[in-house]
Each structure stands twice: as structure tokens, then as C-alpha cells.
């Protein structure tokens, strides 16, 4: 448990902001659960796009964090994970210059790798 907490602390202290992505899913809804989940995921992607557009970086992490009872309780979420909960956490912050420079490398010509259909 100590090892898990240490890893969790390192991961979350590496970024100045953590955005919890979650949702409550309605079981008897005409919209299928999968589409309800896709809507939450699309919202998370929009957050990542907005961070990037604003000059910041973000990474979406998921996994055991959503099932962690202590975290769910601390955030005031229901215990019933079937109804929803944490789908992921976006860690956000400034991008170090060294990392930003990686995105500036020479890229291959797009037209060498993409086909238009129908051909013009």
C-alpha cells in the first residue's frame, strides 16, 4: 500500500493541476451507456485540445484511480461504480522547453502519406 501511495503522490505532484473526469450514467435512458461514456470522453478530449491551444500540456491517465474508494469518497462520488464515477484524470501544466522542442522536429510531407478520395 505504501508503494502504491508513493507512486500516486509522485504522479500527481508532477503537475500543478489535476482535473478529474467523471460522469453519472443513467441506466434506463434511451441513450446507451457506451454513448454516455463517449460523451464524457469527448469532453475530456476538448479539455486536452484547449490546454494545447493555450500553450499548456496535458495527459489523461486512467485505471485504478477510478475504482479507488478513498478517492471517490473524497470527491463526494457515489459508492456504486456501476452508475458512473471517475473515468480518468487529466494532469495539466506548462510544457518544459526540452519537451516542447520535440514537437518542432521535421515531419514527412503529408501528401506522401495521405490519399484523397475521390481523387481530384
PDB file of N, CA and C in Angstrom:
ATOM      1  N   UNK A   1       0.820  -1.195   0.000  1.00  0.00           N
ATOM      2  CA  UNK A   1       0.000   0.000   0.000  1.00  0.00           C
ATOM      3  C   UNK A   1       0.865   1.261   0.000  1.00  0.00           C
ATOM      4  N   UNK A   2       1.964   1.238   0.774  1.00  0.00           N
ATOM      5  CA  UNK A   2       2.853   2.405   0.821  1.00  0.00           C
ATOM      6  C   UNK A   2       3.463   2.678  -0.549  1.00  0.00           C
ATOM      7  N   UNK A   3       3.829   1.605  -1.254  1.00  0.00           N
ATOM      8  CA  UNK A   3       4.418   1.747  -2.584  1.00  0.00           C
ATOM      9  C   UNK A   3       3.407   2.389  -3.544  1.00  0.00           C
ATOM     10  N   UNK A   4       2.156   1.937  -3.459  1.00  0.00           N
ATOM     11  CA  UNK A   4       1.091   2.474  -4.308  1.00  0.00           C
ATOM     12  C   UNK A   4       0.869   3.961  -4.007  1.00  0.00           C
ATOM     13  N   UNK A   5       0.825   4.314  -2.728  1.00  0.00           N
ATOM     14  CA  UNK A   5       0.622   5.712  -2.341  1.00  0.00           C
ATOM     15  C   UNK A   5       1.780   6.588  -2.785  1.00  0.00           C
ATOM     16  N   UNK A   6       3.003   6.060  -2.684  1.00  0.00           N
ATOM     17  CA  UNK A   6       4.188   6.809  -3.101  1.00  0.00           C
ATOM     18  C   UNK A   6       4.148   7.092  -4.604  1.00  0.00           C
ATOM     19  N   UNK A   7       3.784   6.087  -5.383  1.00  0.00           N
ATOM     20  CA  UNK A   7       3.692   6.239  -6.839  1.00  0.00           C
ATOM     21  C   UNK A   7       2.590   7.243  -7.196  1.00  0.00           C
ATOM     22  N   UNK A   8       1.470   7.155  -6.493  1.00  0.00           N
ATOM     23  CA  UNK A   8       0.357   8.066  -6.718  1.00  0.00           C
ATOM     24  C   UNK A   8       0.758   9.501  -6.396  1.00  0.00           C
ATOM     25  N   UNK A   9       1.451   9.688  -5.288  1.00  0.00           N
ATOM     26  CA  UNK A   9       1.903  11.022  -4.882  1.00  0.00           C
ATOM     27  C   UNK A   9       2.877  11.608  -5.902  1.00  0.00           C
ATOM     28  N   UNK A  10       3.826  10.797  -6.384  1.00  0.00           N
ATOM     29  CA  UNK A  10       4.789  11.259  -7.393  1.00  0.00           C
ATOM     30  C   UNK A  10       4.077  11.700  -8.668  1.00  0.00           C
ATOM     31  N   UNK A  11       3.145  10.886  -9.101  1.00  0.00           N
ATOM     32  CA  UNK A  11       2.442  11.175 -10.355  1.00  0.00           C
ATOM     33  C   UNK A  11       1.646  12.477 -10.244  1.00  0.00           C
ATOM     34  N   UNK A  12       0.940  12.653  -9.148  1.00  0.00           N
ATOM     35  CA  UNK A  12       0.091  13.832  -9.010  1.00  0.00           C
ATOM     36  C   UNK A  12       0.859  15.082  -8.624  1.00  0.00           C
ATOM     37  N   UNK A  13       2.023  14.936  -8.030  1.00  0.00           N
ATOM     38  CA  UNK A  13       2.804  16.127  -7.674  1.00  0.00           C
ATOM     39  C   UNK A  13       3.647  16.620  -8.849  1.00  0.00           C
ATOM     40  N   UNK A  14       3.659  15.865  -9.946  1.00  0.00           N
ATOM     41  CA  UNK A  14       4.447  16.266 -11.115  1.00  0.00           C
ATOM     42  C   UNK A  14       3.751  17.345 -11.940  1.00  0.00           C
ATOM     43  N   UNK A  15       2.472  17.570 -11.711  1.00  0.00           N
ATOM     44  CA  UNK A  15       1.722  18.574 -12.479  1.00  0.00           C
ATOM     45  C   UNK A  15       1.026  19.531 -11.510  1.00  0.00           C
ATOM     46  N   UNK A  16       0.950  20.808 -11.886  1.00  0.00           N
ATOM     47  CA  UNK A  16       0.318  21.775 -10.988  1.00  0.00           C
ATOM     48  C   UNK A  16      -1.207  21.665 -10.913  1.00  0.00           C
ATOM     49  N   UNK A  17      -1.826  20.950 -11.853  1.00  0.00           N
ATOM     50  CA  UNK A  17      -3.282  20.856 -11.839  1.00  0.00           C
ATOM     51  C   UNK A  17      -3.729  19.452 -12.216  1.00  0.00           C
ATOM     52  N   UNK A  18      -4.724  18.958 -11.500  1.00  0.00           N
ATOM     53  CA  UNK A  18      -5.351  17.680 -11.825  1.00  0.00           C
ATOM     54  C   UNK A  18      -6.840  17.933 -12.031  1.00  0.00           C
ATOM     55  N   UNK A  19      -7.345  17.493 -13.167  1.00  0.00           N
ATOM     56  CA  UNK A  19      -8.764  17.649 -13.491  1.00  0.00           C
ATOM     57  C   UNK A  19      -9.377  16.252 -13.506  1.00  0.00           C
ATOM     58  N   UNK A  20     -10.305  16.005 -12.611  1.00  0.00           N
ATOM     59  CA  UNK A  20     -10.949  14.697 -12.536  1.00  0.00           C
ATOM     60  C   UNK A  20     -12.071  14.653 -13.574  1.00  0.00           C
ATOM     61  N   UNK A  21     -12.040  13.628 -14.407  1.00  0.00           N
ATOM     62  CA  UNK A  21     -13.050  13.438 -15.445  1.00  0.00           C
ATOM     63  C   UNK A  21     -13.984  12.328 -14.983  1.00  0.00           C
ATOM     64  N   UNK A  22     -15.238  12.664 -14.841  1.00  0.00           N
ATOM     65  CA  UNK A  22     -16.185  11.664 -14.364  1.00  0.00           C
ATOM     66  C   UNK A  22     -17.571  11.905 -14.913  1.00  0.00           C
ATOM     67  N   UNK A  23     -18.433  10.983 -14.615  1.00  0.00           N
ATOM     68  CA  UNK A  23     -19.802  11.114 -15.074  1.00  0.00           C
ATOM     69  C   UNK A  23     -20.719  10.211 -14.292  1.00  0.00           C
ATOM     70  N   UNK A  24     -21.981  10.556 -14.325  1.00  0.00           N
ATOM     71  CA  UNK A  24     -23.006   9.699 -13.747  1.00  0.00           C
ATOM     72  C   UNK A  24     -23.853   9.207 -14.904  1.00  0.00           C
ATOM     73  N   UNK A  25     -23.967   7.910 -15.022  1.00  0.00           N
ATOM     74  CA  UNK A  25     -24.654   7.326 -16.163  1.00  0.00           C
ATOM     75  C   UNK A  25     -26.059   6.894 -15.764  1.00  0.00           C
ATOM     76  N   UNK A  26     -27.001   7.179 -16.633  1.00  0.00           N
ATOM     77  CA  UNK A  26     -28.405   6.896 -16.364  1.00  0.00           C
ATOM     78  C   UNK A  26     -28.741   5.537 -16.974  1.00  0.00           C
ATOM     79  N   UNK A  27     -29.069   4.546 -16.132  1.00  0.00           N
ATOM     80  CA  UNK A  27     -29.276   3.188 -16.644  1.00  0.00           C
ATOM     81  C   UNK A  27     -30.502   3.024 -17.548  1.00  0.00           C
ATOM     82  N   UNK A  28     -31.630   3.615 -17.215  1.00  0.00           N
ATOM     83  CA  UNK A  28     -32.850   3.431 -18.007  1.00  0.00           C
ATOM     84  C   UNK A  28     -33.066   4.603 -18.954  1.00  0.00           C
ATOM     85  N   UNK A  29     -32.024   4.921 -19.684  1.00  0.00           N
ATOM     86  CA  UNK A  29     -32.045   6.067 -20.589  1.00  0.00           C
ATOM     87  C   UNK A  29     -32.061   5.551 -22.031  1.00  0.00           C
ATOM     88  N   UNK A  30     -32.750   6.245 -22.936  1.00  0.00           N
ATOM     89  CA  UNK A  30     -32.730   5.796 -24.333  1.00  0.00           C
ATOM     90  C   UNK A  30     -31.337   5.889 -24.970  1.00  0.00           C
ATOM     91  N   UNK A  31     -30.453   6.665 -24.353  1.00  0.00           N
ATOM     92  CA  UNK A  31     -29.082   6.773 -24.861  1.00  0.00           C
ATOM     93  C   UNK A  31     -28.262   5.645 -24.233  1.00  0.00           C
ATOM     94  N   UNK A  32     -27.674   4.750 -25.044  1.00  0.00           N
ATOM     95  CA  UNK A  32     -26.906   3.630 -24.493  1.00  0.00           C
ATOM     96  C   UNK A  32     -25.749   4.104 -23.606  1.00  0.00           C
ATOM     97  N   UNK A  33     -25.403   3.280 -22.638  1.00  0.00           N
ATOM     98  CA  UNK A  33     -24.318   3.625 -21.711  1.00  0.00           C
ATOM     99  C   UNK A  33     -23.040   3.949 -22.477  1.00  0.00           C
ATOM    100  N   UNK A  34     -22.737   3.174 -23.510  1.00  0.00           N
ATOM    101  CA  UNK A  34     -21.499   3.419 -24.260  1.00  0.00           C
ATOM    102  C   UNK A  34     -21.481   4.840 -24.822  1.00  0.00           C
ATOM    103  N   UNK A  35     -22.617   5.319 -25.321  1.00  0.00           N
ATOM    104  CA  UNK A  35     -22.664   6.680 -25.865  1.00  0.00           C
ATOM    105  C   UNK A  35     -22.555   7.730 -24.764  1.00  0.00           C
ATOM    106  N   UNK A  36     -23.067   7.413 -23.581  1.00  0.00           N
ATOM    107  CA  UNK A  36     -22.909   8.322 -22.448  1.00  0.00           C
ATOM    108  C   UNK A  36     -21.424   8.432 -22.085  1.00  0.00           C
ATOM    109  N   UNK A  37     -20.720   7.296 -22.110  1.00  0.00           N
ATOM    110  CA  UNK A  37     -19.281   7.297 -21.823  1.00  0.00           C
ATOM    111  C   UNK A  37     -18.512   8.054 -22.908  1.00  0.00           C
ATOM    112  N   UNK A  38     -18.907   7.869 -24.178  1.00  0.00           N
ATOM    113  CA  UNK A  38     -18.233   8.576 -25.273  1.00  0.00           C
ATOM    114  C   UNK A  38     -18.366  10.088 -25.111  1.00  0.00           C
ATOM    115  N   UNK A  39     -19.516  10.536 -24.612  1.00  0.00           N
ATOM    116  CA  UNK A  39     -19.727  11.975 -24.407  1.00  0.00           C
ATOM    117  C   UNK A  39     -18.751  12.528 -23.381  1.00  0.00           C
ATOM    118  N   UNK A  40     -18.533  11.767 -22.312  1.00  0.00           N
ATOM    119  CA  UNK A  40     -17.575  12.198 -21.287  1.00  0.00           C
ATOM    120  C   UNK A  40     -16.167  12.217 -21.881  1.00  0.00           C
ATOM    121  N   UNK A  41     -15.829  11.182 -22.658  1.00  0.00           N
ATOM    122  CA  UNK A  41     -14.501  11.114 -23.278  1.00  0.00           C
ATOM    123  C   UNK A  41     -14.296  12.274 -24.255  1.00  0.00           C
ATOM    124  N   UNK A  42     -15.336  12.633 -25.009  1.00  0.00           N
ATOM    125  CA  UNK A  42     -15.228  13.764 -25.943  1.00  0.00           C
ATOM    126  C   UNK A  42     -14.994  15.063 -25.179  1.00  0.00           C
ATOM    127  N   UNK A  43     -15.652  15.212 -24.044  1.00  0.00           N
ATOM    128  CA  UNK A  43     -15.427  16.394 -23.209  1.00  0.00           C
ATOM    129  C   UNK A  43     -13.997  16.464 -22.716  1.00  0.00           C
ATOM    130  N   UNK A  44     -13.444  15.307 -22.323  1.00  0.00           N
ATOM    131  CA  UNK A  44     -12.049  15.255 -21.866  1.00  0.00           C
ATOM    132  C   UNK A  44     -11.096  15.626 -22.997  1.00  0.00           C
ATOM    133  N   UNK A  45     -11.379  15.148 -24.200  1.00  0.00           N
ATOM    134  CA  UNK A  45     -10.528  15.480 -25.343  1.00  0.00           C
ATOM    135  C   UNK A  45     -10.582  16.972 -25.633  1.00  0.00           C
ATOM    136  N   UNK A  46     -11.755  17.575 -25.474  1.00  0.00           N
ATOM    137  CA  UNK A  46     -11.873  19.022 -25.673  1.00  0.00           C
ATOM    138  C   UNK A  46     -11.043  19.786 -24.648  1.00  0.00           C
ATOM    139  N   UNK A  47     -10.980  19.288 -23.429  1.00  0.00           N
ATOM    140  CA  UNK A  47     -10.133  19.918 -22.406  1.00  0.00           C
ATOM    141  C   UNK A  47      -8.668  19.824 -22.825  1.00  0.00           C
ATOM    142  N   UNK A  48      -8.241  18.642 -23.289  1.00  0.00           N
ATOM    143  CA  UNK A  48      -6.853  18.474 -23.738  1.00  0.00           C
ATOM    144  C   UNK A  48      -6.544  19.387 -24.927  1.00  0.00           C
ATOM    145  N   UNK A  49      -7.492  19.508 -25.872  1.00  0.00           N
ATOM    146  CA  UNK A  49      -7.295  20.408 -27.017  1.00  0.00           C
ATOM    147  C   UNK A  49      -7.182  21.859 -26.559  1.00  0.00           C
ATOM    148  N   UNK A  50      -8.023  22.267 -25.617  1.00  0.00           N
ATOM    149  CA  UNK A  50      -7.988  23.643 -25.119  1.00  0.00           C
ATOM    150  C   UNK A  50      -6.669  23.924 -24.401  1.00  0.00           C
ATOM    151  N   UNK A  51      -6.175  22.955 -23.638  1.00  0.00           N
ATOM    152  CA  UNK A  51      -4.875  23.115 -22.973  1.00  0.00           C
ATOM    153  C   UNK A  51      -3.777  23.326 -24.013  1.00  0.00           C
ATOM    154  N   UNK A  52      -3.770  22.478 -25.036  1.00  0.00           N
ATOM    155  CA  UNK A  52      -2.754  22.562 -26.080  1.00  0.00           C
ATOM    156  C   UNK A  52      -2.836  23.900 -26.814  1.00  0.00           C
ATOM    157  N   UNK A  53      -4.035  24.309 -27.173  1.00  0.00           N
ATOM    158  CA  UNK A  53      -4.238  25.570 -27.885  1.00  0.00           C
ATOM    159  C   UNK A  53      -3.757  26.756 -27.051  1.00  0.00           C
ATOM    160  N   UNK A  54      -3.871  26.631 -25.727  1.00  0.00           N
ATOM    161  CA  UNK A  54      -3.470  27.711 -24.814  1.00  0.00           C
ATOM    162  C   UNK A  54      -1.994  27.663 -24.450  1.00  0.00           C
ATOM    163  N   UNK A  55      -1.259  26.701 -25.021  1.00  0.00           N
ATOM    164  CA  UNK A  55       0.176  26.612 -24.769  1.00  0.00           C
ATOM    165  C   UNK A  55       0.557  25.753 -23.577  1.00  0.00           C
ATOM    166  N   UNK A  56      -0.390  24.980 -23.069  1.00  0.00           N
ATOM    167  CA  UNK A  56      -0.115  24.093 -21.944  1.00  0.00           C
ATOM    168  C   UNK A  56      -0.115  22.647 -22.420  1.00  0.00           C
ATOM    169  N   UNK A  57       0.265  21.760 -21.541  1.00  0.00           N
ATOM    170  CA  UNK A  57       0.262  20.348 -21.869  1.00  0.00           C
ATOM    171  C   UNK A  57      -0.654  19.603 -20.925  1.00  0.00           C
ATOM    172  N   UNK A  58      -1.085  18.447 -21.356  1.00  0.00           N
ATOM    173  CA  UNK A  58      -1.938  17.625 -20.512  1.00  0.00           C
ATOM    174  C   UNK A  58      -1.803  16.172 -20.884  1.00  0.00           C
ATOM    175  N   UNK A  59      -2.034  15.320 -19.916  1.00  0.00           N
ATOM    176  CA  UNK A  59      -2.033  13.880 -20.159  1.00  0.00           C
ATOM    177  C   UNK A  59      -3.208  13.283 -19.400  1.00  0.00           C
ATOM    178  N   UNK A  60      -3.926  12.394 -20.071  1.00  0.00           N
ATOM    179  CA  UNK A  60      -5.084  11.748 -19.468  1.00  0.00           C
ATOM    180  C   UNK A  60      -4.609  10.401 -18.927  1.00  0.00           C
ATOM    181  N   UNK A  61      -4.774  10.198 -17.635  1.00  0.00           N
ATOM    182  CA  UNK A  61      -4.437   8.905 -17.041  1.00  0.00           C
ATOM    183  C   UNK A  61      -5.722   8.257 -16.545  1.00  0.00           C
ATOM    184  N   UNK A  62      -5.748   6.950 -16.589  1.00  0.00           N
ATOM    185  CA  UNK A  62      -6.934   6.233 -16.117  1.00  0.00           C
ATOM    186  C   UNK A  62      -6.474   4.943 -15.463  1.00  0.00           C
ATOM    187  N   UNK A  63      -7.422   4.145 -15.090  1.00  0.00           N
ATOM    188  CA  UNK A  63      -7.075   2.874 -14.478  1.00  0.00           C
ATOM    189  C   UNK A  63      -7.630   2.764 -13.078  1.00  0.00           C
ATOM    190  N   UNK A  64      -6.813   2.299 -12.168  1.00  0.00           N
ATOM    191  CA  UNK A  64      -7.246   2.001 -10.804  1.00  0.00           C
ATOM    192  C   UNK A  64      -7.737   3.225 -10.042  1.00  0.00           C
ATOM    193  N   UNK A  65      -7.358   4.417 -10.487  1.00  0.00           N
ATOM    194  CA  UNK A  65      -7.773   5.629  -9.770  1.00  0.00           C
ATOM    195  C   UNK A  65      -9.296   5.725  -9.702  1.00  0.00           C
ATOM    196  N   UNK A  66      -9.967   5.329 -10.751  1.00  0.00           N
ATOM    197  CA  UNK A  66     -11.421   5.409 -10.792  1.00  0.00           C
ATOM    198  C   UNK A  66     -12.113   4.453  -9.845  1.00  0.00           C
ATOM    199  N   UNK A  67     -11.422   3.393  -9.485  1.00  0.00           N
ATOM    200  CA  UNK A  67     -12.000   2.401  -8.583  1.00  0.00           C
ATOM    201  C   UNK A  67     -11.592   2.624  -7.132  1.00  0.00           C
ATOM    202  N   UNK A  68     -10.721   3.582  -6.886  1.00  0.00           N
ATOM    203  CA  UNK A  68     -10.219   3.814  -5.531  1.00  0.00           C
ATOM    204  C   UNK A  68     -11.323   4.396  -4.646  1.00  0.00           C
ATOM    205  N   UNK A  69     -11.737   3.637  -3.633  1.00  0.00           N
ATOM    206  CA  UNK A  69     -12.850   4.039  -2.767  1.00  0.00           C
ATOM    207  C   UNK A  69     -12.549   5.330  -2.008  1.00  0.00           C
ATOM    208  N   UNK A  70     -11.311   5.501  -1.550  1.00  0.00           N
ATOM    209  CA  UNK A  70     -10.953   6.709  -0.801  1.00  0.00           C
ATOM    210  C   UNK A  70     -11.051   7.955  -1.678  1.00  0.00           C
ATOM    211  N   UNK A  71     -10.574   7.858  -2.904  1.00  0.00           N
ATOM    212  CA  UNK A  71     -10.629   8.996  -3.818  1.00  0.00           C
ATOM    213  C   UNK A  71     -12.074   9.333  -4.164  1.00  0.00           C
ATOM    214  N   UNK A  72     -12.866   8.310  -4.440  1.00  0.00           N
ATOM    215  CA  UNK A  72     -14.287   8.529  -4.751  1.00  0.00           C
ATOM    216  C   UNK A  72     -14.988   9.220  -3.587  1.00  0.00           C
ATOM    217  N   UNK A  73     -14.701   8.763  -2.372  1.00  0.00           N
ATOM    218  CA  UNK A  73     -15.325   9.347  -1.181  1.00  0.00           C
ATOM    219  C   UNK A  73     -14.877  10.796  -0.996  1.00  0.00           C
ATOM    220  N   UNK A  74     -13.583  11.056  -1.179  1.00  0.00           N
ATOM    221  CA  UNK A  74     -13.048  12.412  -1.017  1.00  0.00           C
ATOM    222  C   UNK A  74     -13.682  13.386  -2.004  1.00  0.00           C
ATOM    223  N   UNK A  75     -14.064  12.886  -3.181  1.00  0.00           N
ATOM    224  CA  UNK A  75     -14.678  13.733  -4.208  1.00  0.00           C
ATOM    225  C   UNK A  75     -16.202  13.775  -4.102  1.00  0.00           C
ATOM    226  N   UNK A  76     -16.741  13.050  -3.123  1.00  0.00           N
ATOM    227  CA  UNK A  76     -18.190  13.058  -2.919  1.00  0.00           C
ATOM    228  C   UNK A  76     -18.963  12.257  -3.944  1.00  0.00           C
ATOM    229  N   UNK A  77     -18.321  11.249  -4.531  1.00  0.00           N
ATOM    230  CA  UNK A  77     -18.987  10.417  -5.533  1.00  0.00           C
ATOM    231  C   UNK A  77     -19.663   9.221  -4.872  1.00  0.00           C
ATOM    232  N   UNK A  78     -20.690   8.713  -5.534  1.00  0.00           N
ATOM    233  CA  UNK A  78     -21.401   7.544  -5.027  1.00  0.00           C
ATOM    234  C   UNK A  78     -20.476   6.334  -4.972  1.00  0.00           C
ATOM    235  N   UNK A  79     -20.814   5.419  -4.073  1.00  0.00           N
ATOM    236  CA  UNK A  79     -20.025   4.188  -3.964  1.00  0.00           C
ATOM    237  C   UNK A  79     -20.325   3.231  -5.106  1.00  0.00           C
ATOM    238  N   UNK A  80     -21.501   3.337  -5.697  1.00  0.00           N
ATOM    239  CA  UNK A  80     -21.924   2.444  -6.772  1.00  0.00           C
ATOM    240  C   UNK A  80     -21.208   2.803  -8.073  1.00  0.00           C
ATOM    241  N   UNK A  81     -20.138   2.076  -8.383  1.00  0.00           N
ATOM    242  CA  UNK A  81     -19.351   2.396  -9.580  1.00  0.00           C
ATOM    243  C   UNK A  81     -20.078   2.026 -10.872  1.00  0.00           C
ATOM    244  N   UNK A  82     -21.154   1.246 -10.785  1.00  0.00           N
ATOM    245  CA  UNK A  82     -21.924   0.902 -11.983  1.00  0.00           C
ATOM    246  C   UNK A  82     -22.663   2.122 -12.539  1.00  0.00           C
ATOM    247  N   UNK A  83     -22.958   3.089 -11.679  1.00  0.00           N
ATOM    248  CA  UNK A  83     -23.684   4.286 -12.111  1.00  0.00           C
ATOM    249  C   UNK A  83     -22.756   5.342 -12.676  1.00  0.00           C
ATOM    250  N   UNK A  84     -21.471   5.130 -12.542  1.00  0.00           N
ATOM    251  CA  UNK A  84     -20.528   6.109 -13.068  1.00  0.00           C
ATOM    252  C   UNK A  84     -19.355   6.282 -12.137  1.00  0.00           C
ATOM    253  N   UNK A  85     -18.756   7.434 -12.212  1.00  0.00           N
ATOM    254  CA  UNK A  85     -17.605   7.691 -11.361  1.00  0.00           C
ATOM    255  C   UNK A  85     -16.488   8.335 -12.146  1.00  0.00           C
ATOM    256  N   UNK A  86     -15.274   8.028 -11.744  1.00  0.00           N
ATOM    257  CA  UNK A  86     -14.088   8.631 -12.346  1.00  0.00           C
ATOM    258  C   UNK A  86     -13.678   7.831 -13.579  1.00  0.00           C
ATOM    259  N   UNK A  87     -13.646   8.494 -14.730  1.00  0.00           N
ATOM    260  CA  UNK A  87     -13.196   7.831 -15.954  1.00  0.00           C
ATOM    261  C   UNK A  87     -11.729   8.094 -16.229  1.00  0.00           C
ATOM    262  N   UNK A  88     -11.201   9.127 -15.625  1.00  0.00           N
ATOM    263  CA  UNK A  88      -9.795   9.451 -15.812  1.00  0.00           C
ATOM    264  C   UNK A  88      -9.458  10.738 -15.102  1.00  0.00           C
ATOM    265  N   UNK A  89      -8.199  11.069 -15.120  1.00  0.00           N
ATOM    266  CA  UNK A  89      -7.710  12.297 -14.515  1.00  0.00           C
ATOM    267  C   UNK A  89      -6.754  12.936 -15.512  1.00  0.00           C
ATOM    268  N   UNK A  90      -6.972  14.214 -15.789  1.00  0.00           N
ATOM    269  CA  UNK A  90      -6.071  14.949 -16.674  1.00  0.00           C
ATOM    270  C   UNK A  90      -5.087  15.715 -15.803  1.00  0.00           C
ATOM    271  N   UNK A  91      -3.803  15.437 -15.997  1.00  0.00           N
ATOM    272  CA  UNK A  91      -2.753  16.200 -15.332  1.00  0.00           C
ATOM    273  C   UNK A  91      -2.331  17.286 -16.307  1.00  0.00           C
ATOM    274  N   UNK A  92      -2.342  18.536 -15.856  1.00  0.00           N
ATOM    275  CA  UNK A  92      -2.095  19.662 -16.761  1.00  0.00           C
ATOM    276  C   UNK A  92      -1.066  20.614 -16.185  1.00  0.00           C
ATOM    277  N   UNK A  93      -0.337  21.261 -17.090  1.00  0.00           N
ATOM    278  CA  UNK A  93       0.636  22.255 -16.664  1.00  0.00           C
ATOM    279  C   UNK A  93       1.437  22.786 -17.835  1.00  0.00           C
ATOM    280  N   UNK A  94       2.436  23.578 -17.514  1.00  0.00           N
ATOM    281  CA  UNK A  94       3.328  24.136 -18.534  1.00  0.00           C
ATOM    282  C   UNK A  94       4.198  23.032 -19.111  1.00  0.00           C
ATOM    283  N   UNK A  95       4.580  23.213 -20.356  1.00  0.00           N
ATOM    284  CA  UNK A  95       5.434  22.234 -21.018  1.00  0.00           C
ATOM    285  C   UNK A  95       6.880  22.715 -20.919  1.00  0.00           C
ATOM    286  N   UNK A  96       7.781  21.887 -20.360  1.00  0.00           N
ATOM    287  CA  UNK A  96       9.194  22.285 -20.320  1.00  0.00           C
ATOM    288  C   UNK A  96       9.735  22.500 -21.735  1.00  0.00           C
ATOM    289  N   UNK A  97      10.664  23.436 -21.886  1.00  0.00           N
ATOM    290  CA  UNK A  97      11.223  23.756 -23.214  1.00  0.00           C
ATOM    291  C   UNK A  97      11.776  22.521 -23.914  1.00  0.00           C
ATOM    292  N   UNK A  98      12.430  21.651 -23.153  1.00  0.00           N
ATOM    293  CA  UNK A  98      13.020  20.441 -23.729  1.00  0.00           C
ATOM    294  C   UNK A  98      11.937  19.570 -24.373  1.00  0.00           C
ATOM    295  N   UNK A  99      10.786  19.458 -23.724  1.00  0.00           N
ATOM    296  CA  UNK A  99       9.684  18.660 -24.262  1.00  0.00           C
ATOM    297  C   UNK A  99       9.036  19.379 -25.440  1.00  0.00           C
ATOM    298  N   UNK A 100       8.859  20.693 -25.332  1.00  0.00           N
ATOM    299  CA  UNK A 100       8.246  21.469 -26.415  1.00  0.00           C
ATOM    300  C   UNK A 100       9.075  21.369 -27.693  1.00  0.00           C
ATOM    301  N   UNK A 101      10.390  21.293 -27.560  1.00  0.00           N
ATOM    302  CA  UNK A 101      11.273  21.206 -28.726  1.00  0.00           C
ATOM    303  C   UNK A 101      11.058  19.905 -29.496  1.00  0.00           C
ATOM    304  N   UNK A 102      10.597  18.855 -28.825  1.00  0.00           N
ATOM    305  CA  UNK A 102      10.353  17.581 -29.502  1.00  0.00           C
ATOM    306  C   UNK A 102       9.276  17.721 -30.575  1.00  0.00           C
ATOM    307  N   UNK A 103       8.301  18.586 -30.351  1.00  0.00           N
ATOM    308  CA  UNK A 103       7.227  18.783 -31.317  1.00  0.00           C
ATOM    309  C   UNK A 103       7.646  19.594 -32.523  1.00  0.00           C
ATOM    310  N   UNK A 104       8.841  20.156 -32.514  1.00  0.00           N
ATOM    311  CA  UNK A 104       9.297  21.020 -33.606  1.00  0.00           C
ATOM    312  C   UNK A 104      10.181  20.295 -34.611  1.00  0.00           C
ATOM    313  N   UNK A 105      10.254  18.976 -34.512  1.00  0.00           N
ATOM    314  CA  UNK A 105      11.125  18.261 -35.440  1.00  0.00           C
ATOM    315  C   UNK A 105      10.531  18.233 -36.844  1.00  0.00           C
ATOM    316  N   UNK A 106      11.401  17.985 -37.819  1.00  0.00           N
ATOM    317  CA  UNK A 106      10.981  17.952 -39.220  1.00  0.00           C
ATOM    318  C   UNK A 106      10.074  16.742 -39.430  1.00  0.00           C
ATOM    319  N   UNK A 107       8.949  16.992 -40.044  1.00  0.00           N
ATOM    320  CA  UNK A 107       7.960  15.951 -40.302  1.00  0.00           C
ATOM    321  C   UNK A 107       7.951  15.593 -41.784  1.00  0.00           C
ATOM    322  N   UNK A 108       7.594  14.353 -42.132  1.00  0.00           N
ATOM    323  CA  UNK A 108       7.498  13.985 -43.545  1.00  0.00           C
ATOM    324  C   UNK A 108       6.343  14.742 -44.207  1.00  0.00           C
ATOM    325  N   UNK A 109       6.428  14.866 -45.523  1.00  0.00           N
ATOM    326  CA  UNK A 109       5.390  15.568 -46.279  1.00  0.00           C
ATOM    327  C   UNK A 109       4.067  14.812 -46.164  1.00  0.00           C
ATOM    328  N   UNK A 110       3.022  15.511 -45.831  1.00  0.00           N
ATOM    329  CA  UNK A 110       1.710  14.915 -45.632  1.00  0.00           C
ATOM    330  C   UNK A 110       1.215  14.203 -46.887  1.00  0.00           C
ATOM    331  N   UNK A 111       1.415  14.839 -48.046  1.00  0.00           N
ATOM    332  CA  UNK A 111       0.907  14.254 -49.298  1.00  0.00           C
ATOM    333  C   UNK A 111       1.576  12.919 -49.650  1.00  0.00           C
ATOM    334  N   UNK A 112       2.731  12.615 -49.053  1.00  0.00           N
ATOM    335  CA  UNK A 112       3.387  11.326 -49.280  1.00  0.00           C
ATOM    336  C   UNK A 112       2.714  10.198 -48.500  1.00  0.00           C
ATOM    337  N   UNK A 113       1.839  10.546 -47.571  1.00  0.00           N
ATOM    338  CA  UNK A 113       1.253   9.536 -46.687  1.00  0.00           C
ATOM    339  C   UNK A 113      -0.271   9.547 -46.654  1.00  0.00           C
ATOM    340  N   UNK A 114      -0.889  10.496 -47.342  1.00  0.00           N
ATOM    341  CA  UNK A 114      -2.344  10.628 -47.299  1.00  0.00           C
ATOM    342  C   UNK A 114      -2.904  10.604 -48.715  1.00  0.00           C
ATOM    343  N   UNK A 115      -3.974   9.861 -48.897  1.00  0.00           N
ATOM    344  CA  UNK A 115      -4.665   9.825 -50.185  1.00  0.00           C
ATOM    345  C   UNK A 115      -5.992  10.552 -50.044  1.00  0.00           C
ATOM    346  N   UNK A 116      -6.356  11.313 -51.056  1.00  0.00           N
ATOM    347  CA  UNK A 116      -7.658  11.968 -51.071  1.00  0.00           C
ATOM    348  C   UNK A 116      -8.631  11.081 -51.822  1.00  0.00           C
ATOM    349  N   UNK A 117      -9.840  11.022 -51.347  1.00  0.00           N
ATOM    350  CA  UNK A 117     -10.859  10.249 -52.028  1.00  0.00           C
ATOM    351  C   UNK A 117     -12.111  11.072 -52.133  1.00  0.00           C
ATOM    352  N   UNK A 118     -12.736  11.245 -53.244  1.00  0.00           N
ATOM    353  CA  UNK A 118     -12.260  10.746 -54.533  1.00  0.00           C
ATOM    354  C   UNK A 118     -11.065  11.554 -55.017  1.00  0.00           C
ATOM    355  N   UNK A 119     -10.266  10.909 -55.866  1.00  0.00           N
ATOM    356  CA  UNK A 119      -9.071  11.598 -56.394  1.00  0.00           C
ATOM    357  C   UNK A 119      -9.496  12.795 -57.201  1.00  0.00           C
ATOM    358  N   UNK A 120      -8.744  13.863 -57.056  1.00  0.00           N
ATOM    359  CA  UNK A 120      -9.063  15.102 -57.778  1.00  0.00           C
ATOM    360  C   UNK A 120      -8.091  15.330 -58.886  1.00  0.00           C
TER     361      UNK A 120
END
